[in-house]
Amino acid sequence: MDIMKKEFKVIIERDEDGFFVADVLALPGCNTQGKTLQELQKNIREAITLCLAEAKTNRAYRRHIQAFSRNPSFIGIETVSL
């Protein structure tokens, strides 16, 4: 797996307090939040940069990335009513 790639898929959700929350599934533990989407975009870039720097120097984190990362293909969002 190439952990030094330049593009990452980021899942963005809004939490119950109205904050935007981002999770990078290709980098386990790489997540952040922001009050606005603009703040979130800045924060996620910083988080990815920090995770990649950690991966360069931390063999255990590299193994964690290899074992637990996933790079999903986005299919869509569906609302299910019961």
N, C-alpha and C. Protein backbone atom coordinates (compact mmCIF):
# COMPACT_ATOMS: atom_id res chain seq x y z
N MET A 1 0.84 -1.18 0.00
CA MET A 1 0.00 0.00 0.00
C MET A 1 0.88 1.24 0.00
N ASP A 2 0.56 2.20 -0.84
CA ASP A 2 1.32 3.44 -0.93
C ASP A 2 0.73 4.47 0.03
N ILE A 3 1.37 4.64 1.20
CA ILE A 3 0.82 5.57 2.19
C ILE A 3 1.21 7.02 1.88
N MET A 4 2.02 7.25 0.87
CA MET A 4 2.45 8.60 0.55
C MET A 4 1.64 9.20 -0.60
N LYS A 5 0.53 8.61 -0.96
CA LYS A 5 -0.28 9.17 -2.03
C LYS A 5 -0.79 10.54 -1.64
N LYS A 6 -1.18 11.30 -2.64
CA LYS A 6 -1.55 12.69 -2.41
C LYS A 6 -3.05 12.92 -2.25
N GLU A 7 -3.87 11.96 -2.61
CA GLU A 7 -5.31 12.13 -2.51
C GLU A 7 -5.89 11.12 -1.53
N PHE A 8 -6.79 11.59 -0.68
CA PHE A 8 -7.42 10.74 0.31
C PHE A 8 -8.92 10.97 0.28
N LYS A 9 -9.68 9.90 0.39
CA LYS A 9 -11.13 10.03 0.53
C LYS A 9 -11.41 10.33 1.99
N VAL A 10 -12.24 11.34 2.21
CA VAL A 10 -12.57 11.80 3.56
C VAL A 10 -14.08 11.70 3.74
N ILE A 11 -14.50 11.05 4.80
CA ILE A 11 -15.91 10.98 5.16
C ILE A 11 -16.20 12.19 6.05
N ILE A 12 -17.22 12.96 5.69
CA ILE A 12 -17.59 14.15 6.47
C ILE A 12 -19.02 13.99 6.96
N GLU A 13 -19.19 14.22 8.24
CA GLU A 13 -20.52 14.16 8.86
C GLU A 13 -20.70 15.40 9.72
N ARG A 14 -21.92 15.66 10.10
CA ARG A 14 -22.20 16.74 11.05
C ARG A 14 -22.68 16.07 12.34
N ASP A 15 -22.05 16.43 13.46
CA ASP A 15 -22.43 15.80 14.72
C ASP A 15 -23.63 16.50 15.36
N GLU A 16 -24.04 15.97 16.51
CA GLU A 16 -25.25 16.49 17.17
C GLU A 16 -25.08 17.91 17.68
N ASP A 17 -23.83 18.40 17.80
CA ASP A 17 -23.58 19.77 18.23
C ASP A 17 -23.41 20.73 17.05
N GLY A 18 -23.54 20.21 15.82
CA GLY A 18 -23.41 21.05 14.64
C GLY A 18 -22.01 21.17 14.08
N PHE A 19 -21.04 20.50 14.71
CA PHE A 19 -19.67 20.51 14.19
C PHE A 19 -19.55 19.55 13.01
N PHE A 20 -18.68 19.89 12.08
CA PHE A 20 -18.36 18.98 10.99
C PHE A 20 -17.22 18.08 11.45
N VAL A 21 -17.34 16.79 11.18
CA VAL A 21 -16.37 15.80 11.62
C VAL A 21 -15.87 15.06 10.38
N ALA A 22 -14.56 14.93 10.26
CA ALA A 22 -13.96 14.26 9.10
C ALA A 22 -13.12 13.07 9.55
N ASP A 23 -13.18 12.00 8.76
CA ASP A 23 -12.44 10.78 9.06
C ASP A 23 -11.78 10.30 7.76
N VAL A 24 -10.47 10.06 7.82
CA VAL A 24 -9.72 9.56 6.66
C VAL A 24 -9.54 8.06 6.85
N LEU A 25 -10.31 7.26 6.12
CA LEU A 25 -10.30 5.82 6.34
C LEU A 25 -9.00 5.15 5.92
N ALA A 26 -8.25 5.77 5.02
CA ALA A 26 -6.97 5.20 4.60
C ALA A 26 -5.88 5.40 5.65
N LEU A 27 -6.15 6.27 6.63
CA LEU A 27 -5.20 6.53 7.71
C LEU A 27 -5.92 6.37 9.03
N PRO A 28 -5.95 5.17 9.59
CA PRO A 28 -6.67 4.93 10.84
C PRO A 28 -6.26 5.93 11.93
N GLY A 29 -7.26 6.45 12.61
CA GLY A 29 -7.01 7.42 13.66
C GLY A 29 -6.84 8.84 13.17
N CYS A 30 -6.91 9.04 11.87
CA CYS A 30 -6.74 10.36 11.29
C CYS A 30 -8.12 10.99 11.13
N ASN A 31 -8.47 11.85 12.09
CA ASN A 31 -9.77 12.51 12.05
C ASN A 31 -9.66 13.85 12.73
N THR A 32 -10.64 14.69 12.48
CA THR A 32 -10.66 16.03 13.07
C THR A 32 -12.06 16.59 12.98
N GLN A 33 -12.22 17.82 13.44
CA GLN A 33 -13.52 18.47 13.35
C GLN A 33 -13.33 19.96 13.14
N GLY A 34 -14.42 20.64 12.80
CA GLY A 34 -14.39 22.08 12.63
C GLY A 34 -15.79 22.64 12.74
N LYS A 35 -15.88 23.90 13.14
CA LYS A 35 -17.19 24.55 13.24
C LYS A 35 -17.79 24.80 11.88
N THR A 36 -16.95 25.08 10.89
CA THR A 36 -17.40 25.35 9.52
C THR A 36 -16.69 24.37 8.58
N LEU A 37 -17.22 24.24 7.37
CA LEU A 37 -16.56 23.38 6.39
C LEU A 37 -15.18 23.92 6.04
N GLN A 38 -15.04 25.24 5.99
CA GLN A 38 -13.73 25.83 5.70
C GLN A 38 -12.71 25.47 6.78
N GLU A 39 -13.13 25.58 8.03
CA GLU A 39 -12.24 25.21 9.15
C GLU A 39 -11.92 23.72 9.10
N LEU A 40 -12.92 22.90 8.78
CA LEU A 40 -12.70 21.46 8.69
C LEU A 40 -11.69 21.12 7.60
N GLN A 41 -11.81 21.76 6.45
CA GLN A 41 -10.87 21.49 5.35
C GLN A 41 -9.44 21.81 5.76
N LYS A 42 -9.25 22.92 6.45
CA LYS A 42 -7.91 23.27 6.95
C LYS A 42 -7.43 22.23 7.95
N ASN A 43 -8.32 21.86 8.88
CA ASN A 43 -7.94 20.91 9.92
C ASN A 43 -7.63 19.52 9.36
N ILE A 44 -8.38 19.06 8.37
CA ILE A 44 -8.13 17.72 7.84
C ILE A 44 -6.81 17.67 7.07
N ARG A 45 -6.48 18.75 6.39
CA ARG A 45 -5.16 18.79 5.73
C ARG A 45 -4.03 18.69 6.76
N GLU A 46 -4.18 19.42 7.86
CA GLU A 46 -3.18 19.34 8.93
C GLU A 46 -3.12 17.95 9.53
N ALA A 47 -4.28 17.34 9.76
CA ALA A 47 -4.31 15.99 10.34
C ALA A 47 -3.66 14.98 9.42
N ILE A 48 -3.94 15.05 8.13
CA ILE A 48 -3.33 14.12 7.17
C ILE A 48 -1.81 14.32 7.16
N THR A 49 -1.38 15.56 7.14
CA THR A 49 0.06 15.84 7.16
C THR A 49 0.73 15.24 8.39
N LEU A 50 0.09 15.40 9.55
CA LEU A 50 0.64 14.83 10.79
C LEU A 50 0.65 13.30 10.75
N CYS A 51 -0.41 12.70 10.24
CA CYS A 51 -0.46 11.22 10.16
C CYS A 51 0.61 10.69 9.22
N LEU A 52 0.82 11.37 8.09
CA LEU A 52 1.85 10.93 7.16
C LEU A 52 3.25 11.09 7.76
N ALA A 53 3.47 12.17 8.49
CA ALA A 53 4.76 12.36 9.16
C ALA A 53 4.98 11.27 10.20
N GLU A 54 3.94 10.92 10.93
CA GLU A 54 4.03 9.84 11.92
C GLU A 54 4.35 8.51 11.23
N ALA A 55 3.72 8.27 10.08
CA ALA A 55 3.95 7.02 9.35
C ALA A 55 5.40 6.89 8.88
N LYS A 56 6.04 8.02 8.60
CA LYS A 56 7.44 7.99 8.15
C LYS A 56 8.37 7.51 9.25
N THR A 57 8.06 7.85 10.49
CA THR A 57 8.99 7.57 11.58
C THR A 57 8.55 6.46 12.52
N ASN A 58 7.29 6.06 12.43
CA ASN A 58 6.74 5.10 13.39
C ASN A 58 6.33 3.81 12.69
N ARG A 59 7.16 2.79 12.85
CA ARG A 59 6.91 1.50 12.19
C ARG A 59 5.59 0.88 12.65
N ALA A 60 5.27 1.01 13.92
CA ALA A 60 4.02 0.44 14.44
C ALA A 60 2.81 1.09 13.79
N TYR A 61 2.87 2.41 13.60
CA TYR A 61 1.76 3.09 12.94
C TYR A 61 1.65 2.65 11.48
N ARG A 62 2.78 2.47 10.81
CA ARG A 62 2.74 1.96 9.41
C ARG A 62 2.06 0.60 9.36
N ARG A 63 2.39 -0.27 10.32
CA ARG A 63 1.74 -1.59 10.37
C ARG A 63 0.24 -1.43 10.64
N HIS A 64 -0.11 -0.49 11.50
CA HIS A 64 -1.52 -0.23 11.81
C HIS A 64 -2.26 0.24 10.54
N ILE A 65 -1.62 1.10 9.77
CA ILE A 65 -2.22 1.55 8.51
C ILE A 65 -2.45 0.36 7.59
N GLN A 66 -1.45 -0.48 7.44
CA GLN A 66 -1.58 -1.63 6.55
C GLN A 66 -2.65 -2.60 7.01
N ALA A 67 -2.80 -2.76 8.32
CA ALA A 67 -3.75 -3.73 8.84
C ALA A 67 -5.19 -3.21 8.86
N PHE A 68 -5.37 -1.93 9.11
CA PHE A 68 -6.72 -1.44 9.37
C PHE A 68 -7.23 -0.38 8.40
N SER A 69 -6.42 0.06 7.48
CA SER A 69 -6.91 1.09 6.57
C SER A 69 -7.81 0.49 5.51
N ARG A 70 -8.62 1.33 4.95
CA ARG A 70 -9.41 0.94 3.79
C ARG A 70 -9.65 2.17 2.95
N ASN A 71 -9.77 1.96 1.68
CA ASN A 71 -9.98 3.04 0.74
C ASN A 71 -11.30 2.77 0.03
N PRO A 72 -12.40 3.23 0.60
CA PRO A 72 -13.71 2.86 0.08
C PRO A 72 -14.03 3.51 -1.25
N SER A 73 -14.87 2.85 -2.01
CA SER A 73 -15.47 3.44 -3.20
C SER A 73 -16.82 3.98 -2.79
N PHE A 74 -17.05 5.26 -3.00
CA PHE A 74 -18.32 5.84 -2.60
C PHE A 74 -19.42 5.35 -3.53
N ILE A 75 -20.46 4.81 -2.95
CA ILE A 75 -21.60 4.30 -3.70
C ILE A 75 -22.76 5.29 -3.62
N GLY A 76 -23.05 5.77 -2.45
CA GLY A 76 -24.15 6.71 -2.28
C GLY A 76 -24.65 6.70 -0.86
N ILE A 77 -25.67 7.50 -0.64
CA ILE A 77 -26.32 7.57 0.67
C ILE A 77 -27.77 7.19 0.47
N GLU A 78 -28.26 6.39 1.36
CA GLU A 78 -29.64 5.92 1.24
C GLU A 78 -30.35 6.12 2.56
N THR A 79 -31.59 6.58 2.50
CA THR A 79 -32.44 6.68 3.68
C THR A 79 -33.35 5.48 3.70
N VAL A 80 -33.36 4.77 4.81
CA VAL A 80 -34.18 3.57 4.94
C VAL A 80 -35.28 3.86 5.94
N SER A 81 -36.53 3.69 5.54
CA SER A 81 -37.66 3.88 6.44
C SER A 81 -38.22 2.54 6.86
N LEU A 82 -38.55 2.44 8.11
CA LEU A 82 -39.13 1.19 8.63
C LEU A 82 -40.54 1.45 9.12
